[in-house]
C-alpha cells in the first residue's frame, strides 16, 4: 500500500529532506605501476596492471588512420 499523506509537504521541507540524496565522488587513486589515476580496486586502463603484481589486460595502442 502506498503512503497516504494527511497534509501537503512544502517545497522547502521536501528539498531539506532530499539534501542527502547525492552521488558520492569517485574514489580515484594513482596506479602503482604507471602513476595514472584509476578507480580503486580495478585494473588500470592505461597499463593493464592490477595491484602491481599481474598484467591482466593487454592494452593495444590506437593506430592512426593512414588516410
N, C-alpha and C. Protein backbone atom coordinates (compact mmCIF):
# COMPACT_ATOMS: atom_id res chain seq x y z
N UNK A 1 0.84 -1.19 0.00
CA UNK A 1 0.00 0.00 0.00
C UNK A 1 0.88 1.24 0.00
N UNK A 2 0.43 2.23 -0.70
CA UNK A 2 1.18 3.48 -0.79
C UNK A 2 0.87 4.36 0.43
N UNK A 3 1.75 5.34 0.63
CA UNK A 3 1.54 6.27 1.73
C UNK A 3 0.36 7.19 1.41
N UNK A 4 -0.35 7.59 2.43
CA UNK A 4 -1.49 8.46 2.25
C UNK A 4 -1.28 9.69 3.13
N UNK A 5 -0.64 10.74 2.58
CA UNK A 5 -0.29 11.90 3.42
C UNK A 5 -1.53 12.68 3.86
N UNK A 6 -1.48 13.19 5.09
CA UNK A 6 -2.59 13.98 5.62
C UNK A 6 -2.49 15.44 5.20
N UNK A 7 -1.21 15.92 5.02
CA UNK A 7 -1.01 17.32 4.66
C UNK A 7 0.00 17.42 3.53
N UNK A 8 -0.08 18.52 2.81
CA UNK A 8 0.86 18.76 1.73
C UNK A 8 2.23 19.13 2.31
N UNK A 9 3.29 18.63 1.70
CA UNK A 9 4.65 18.95 2.13
C UNK A 9 5.14 20.14 1.32
N UNK A 10 5.62 21.17 2.01
CA UNK A 10 6.07 22.37 1.31
C UNK A 10 7.34 22.08 0.51
N UNK A 11 7.64 22.94 -0.45
CA UNK A 11 8.84 22.74 -1.28
C UNK A 11 10.11 22.78 -0.45
N UNK A 12 10.16 23.68 0.54
CA UNK A 12 11.37 23.78 1.35
C UNK A 12 11.58 22.51 2.20
N UNK A 13 10.52 22.00 2.81
CA UNK A 13 10.67 20.77 3.60
C UNK A 13 11.00 19.59 2.71
N UNK A 14 10.45 19.55 1.53
CA UNK A 14 10.75 18.47 0.59
C UNK A 14 12.21 18.54 0.17
N UNK A 15 12.72 19.72 -0.10
CA UNK A 15 14.12 19.88 -0.50
C UNK A 15 15.08 19.62 0.65
N UNK A 16 14.69 20.00 1.86
CA UNK A 16 15.53 19.71 3.04
C UNK A 16 15.68 18.20 3.23
N UNK A 17 14.60 17.47 3.00
CA UNK A 17 14.64 16.03 3.16
C UNK A 17 15.54 15.39 2.10
N UNK A 18 15.58 15.98 0.91
CA UNK A 18 16.33 15.40 -0.20
C UNK A 18 17.78 15.88 -0.27
N UNK A 19 18.25 16.65 0.69
CA UNK A 19 19.63 17.15 0.63
C UNK A 19 20.65 16.03 0.75
N UNK A 20 20.26 14.90 1.32
CA UNK A 20 21.20 13.79 1.49
C UNK A 20 21.20 12.84 0.31
N UNK A 21 20.33 13.08 -0.67
CA UNK A 21 20.29 12.23 -1.87
C UNK A 21 21.30 12.78 -2.87
N UNK A 22 22.54 12.37 -2.77
CA UNK A 22 23.55 12.87 -3.68
C UNK A 22 24.52 11.76 -4.02
N UNK A 23 25.21 11.93 -5.11
CA UNK A 23 26.15 10.93 -5.59
C UNK A 23 27.49 11.13 -4.88
N UNK A 24 28.07 10.04 -4.44
CA UNK A 24 29.39 10.10 -3.79
C UNK A 24 30.46 10.33 -4.85
N UNK A 25 31.52 11.06 -4.54
CA UNK A 25 32.58 11.28 -5.52
C UNK A 25 33.33 9.98 -5.82
N UNK A 26 33.90 9.90 -7.02
CA UNK A 26 34.64 8.71 -7.41
C UNK A 26 35.92 8.58 -6.58
N UNK A 27 36.25 7.35 -6.21
CA UNK A 27 37.45 7.09 -5.44
C UNK A 27 38.61 6.85 -6.40
N UNK A 28 39.27 7.93 -6.81
CA UNK A 28 40.39 7.82 -7.73
C UNK A 28 41.69 7.69 -6.96
N UNK A 29 42.53 6.76 -7.38
CA UNK A 29 43.85 6.56 -6.78
C UNK A 29 44.87 6.47 -7.90
N UNK A 30 46.14 6.67 -7.56
CA UNK A 30 47.20 6.56 -8.56
C UNK A 30 47.61 5.10 -8.73
N UNK A 31 47.82 4.71 -9.97
CA UNK A 31 48.29 3.36 -10.26
C UNK A 31 49.72 3.24 -9.76
N UNK A 32 50.05 2.12 -9.13
CA UNK A 32 51.39 1.93 -8.60
C UNK A 32 52.41 1.62 -9.69
N UNK A 33 51.93 1.24 -10.86
CA UNK A 33 52.82 0.89 -11.96
C UNK A 33 53.15 2.10 -12.83
N UNK A 34 52.11 2.81 -13.29
CA UNK A 34 52.32 3.91 -14.24
C UNK A 34 51.95 5.29 -13.67
N UNK A 35 51.41 5.33 -12.47
CA UNK A 35 51.07 6.57 -11.75
C UNK A 35 49.98 7.39 -12.43
N UNK A 36 49.15 6.75 -13.23
CA UNK A 36 47.96 7.40 -13.79
C UNK A 36 46.80 7.19 -12.81
N UNK A 37 45.81 8.08 -12.86
CA UNK A 37 44.65 7.93 -11.98
C UNK A 37 43.74 6.84 -12.51
N UNK A 38 43.21 6.03 -11.58
CA UNK A 38 42.30 4.95 -11.93
C UNK A 38 41.31 4.78 -10.79
N UNK A 39 40.25 4.00 -11.02
CA UNK A 39 39.31 3.69 -9.95
C UNK A 39 39.95 2.69 -8.99
N UNK A 40 39.65 2.82 -7.72
CA UNK A 40 40.24 1.94 -6.71
C UNK A 40 39.76 0.51 -6.91
N UNK A 41 40.63 -0.44 -6.68
CA UNK A 41 40.35 -1.88 -6.76
C UNK A 41 39.92 -2.31 -8.15
N UNK A 42 40.46 -1.67 -9.19
CA UNK A 42 40.16 -2.02 -10.56
C UNK A 42 41.45 -2.10 -11.36
N UNK A 43 41.41 -2.74 -12.50
CA UNK A 43 42.56 -2.82 -13.39
C UNK A 43 42.81 -1.44 -13.99
N UNK A 44 44.06 -1.05 -14.09
CA UNK A 44 44.42 0.25 -14.65
C UNK A 44 44.14 0.24 -16.16
N UNK A 45 43.37 1.21 -16.65
CA UNK A 45 43.06 1.22 -18.08
C UNK A 45 44.24 1.64 -18.95
N UNK A 46 45.25 2.29 -18.38
CA UNK A 46 46.36 2.76 -19.21
C UNK A 46 47.49 1.74 -19.33
N UNK A 47 47.75 0.96 -18.28
CA UNK A 47 48.85 -0.01 -18.36
C UNK A 47 48.39 -1.46 -18.26
N UNK A 48 47.18 -1.71 -17.72
CA UNK A 48 46.64 -3.07 -17.65
C UNK A 48 47.05 -3.85 -16.43
N UNK A 49 47.74 -3.23 -15.48
CA UNK A 49 48.16 -3.94 -14.27
C UNK A 49 47.11 -3.80 -13.17
N UNK A 50 47.09 -4.81 -12.29
CA UNK A 50 46.25 -4.76 -11.11
C UNK A 50 47.13 -5.03 -9.89
N UNK A 51 47.18 -4.10 -8.97
CA UNK A 51 47.91 -4.24 -7.71
C UNK A 51 49.40 -4.51 -7.92
N UNK A 52 49.95 -4.03 -9.01
CA UNK A 52 51.38 -4.08 -9.34
C UNK A 52 51.93 -5.51 -9.42
N UNK A 53 51.06 -6.49 -9.51
CA UNK A 53 51.51 -7.87 -9.49
C UNK A 53 51.34 -8.56 -10.85
N UNK A 54 50.16 -8.47 -11.38
CA UNK A 54 49.81 -9.25 -12.56
C UNK A 54 49.35 -8.33 -13.66
N UNK A 55 49.85 -8.54 -14.87
CA UNK A 55 49.34 -7.80 -16.01
C UNK A 55 48.09 -8.53 -16.48
N UNK A 56 46.95 -7.90 -16.25
CA UNK A 56 45.68 -8.54 -16.51
C UNK A 56 45.22 -8.29 -17.94
N UNK A 57 45.41 -7.06 -18.44
CA UNK A 57 44.92 -6.70 -19.76
C UNK A 57 46.08 -6.38 -20.69
N UNK A 58 45.91 -6.73 -21.95
CA UNK A 58 46.84 -6.29 -22.98
C UNK A 58 46.25 -5.02 -23.59
N UNK A 59 46.91 -3.89 -23.38
CA UNK A 59 46.43 -2.62 -23.90
C UNK A 59 46.98 -2.43 -25.30
N UNK A 60 46.10 -2.24 -26.28
CA UNK A 60 46.53 -2.04 -27.65
C UNK A 60 46.57 -0.54 -27.94
N UNK A 61 47.63 -0.10 -28.58
CA UNK A 61 47.76 1.30 -28.95
C UNK A 61 46.82 1.59 -30.11
N UNK A 62 46.23 2.76 -30.09
CA UNK A 62 45.33 3.16 -31.18
C UNK A 62 46.17 3.52 -32.40
N UNK A 63 45.83 2.92 -33.50
CA UNK A 63 46.54 3.20 -34.74
C UNK A 63 45.87 4.36 -35.45
N UNK A 64 46.66 5.30 -35.91
CA UNK A 64 46.11 6.43 -36.65
C UNK A 64 45.73 5.99 -38.04
N UNK A 65 44.70 6.61 -38.55
CA UNK A 65 44.28 6.29 -39.91
C UNK A 65 45.33 6.79 -40.88
N UNK A 66 45.64 5.98 -41.87
CA UNK A 66 46.69 6.33 -42.83
C UNK A 66 46.15 7.11 -44.02
N UNK A 67 45.03 7.74 -43.86
CA UNK A 67 44.42 8.50 -44.95
C UNK A 67 44.59 9.97 -44.75
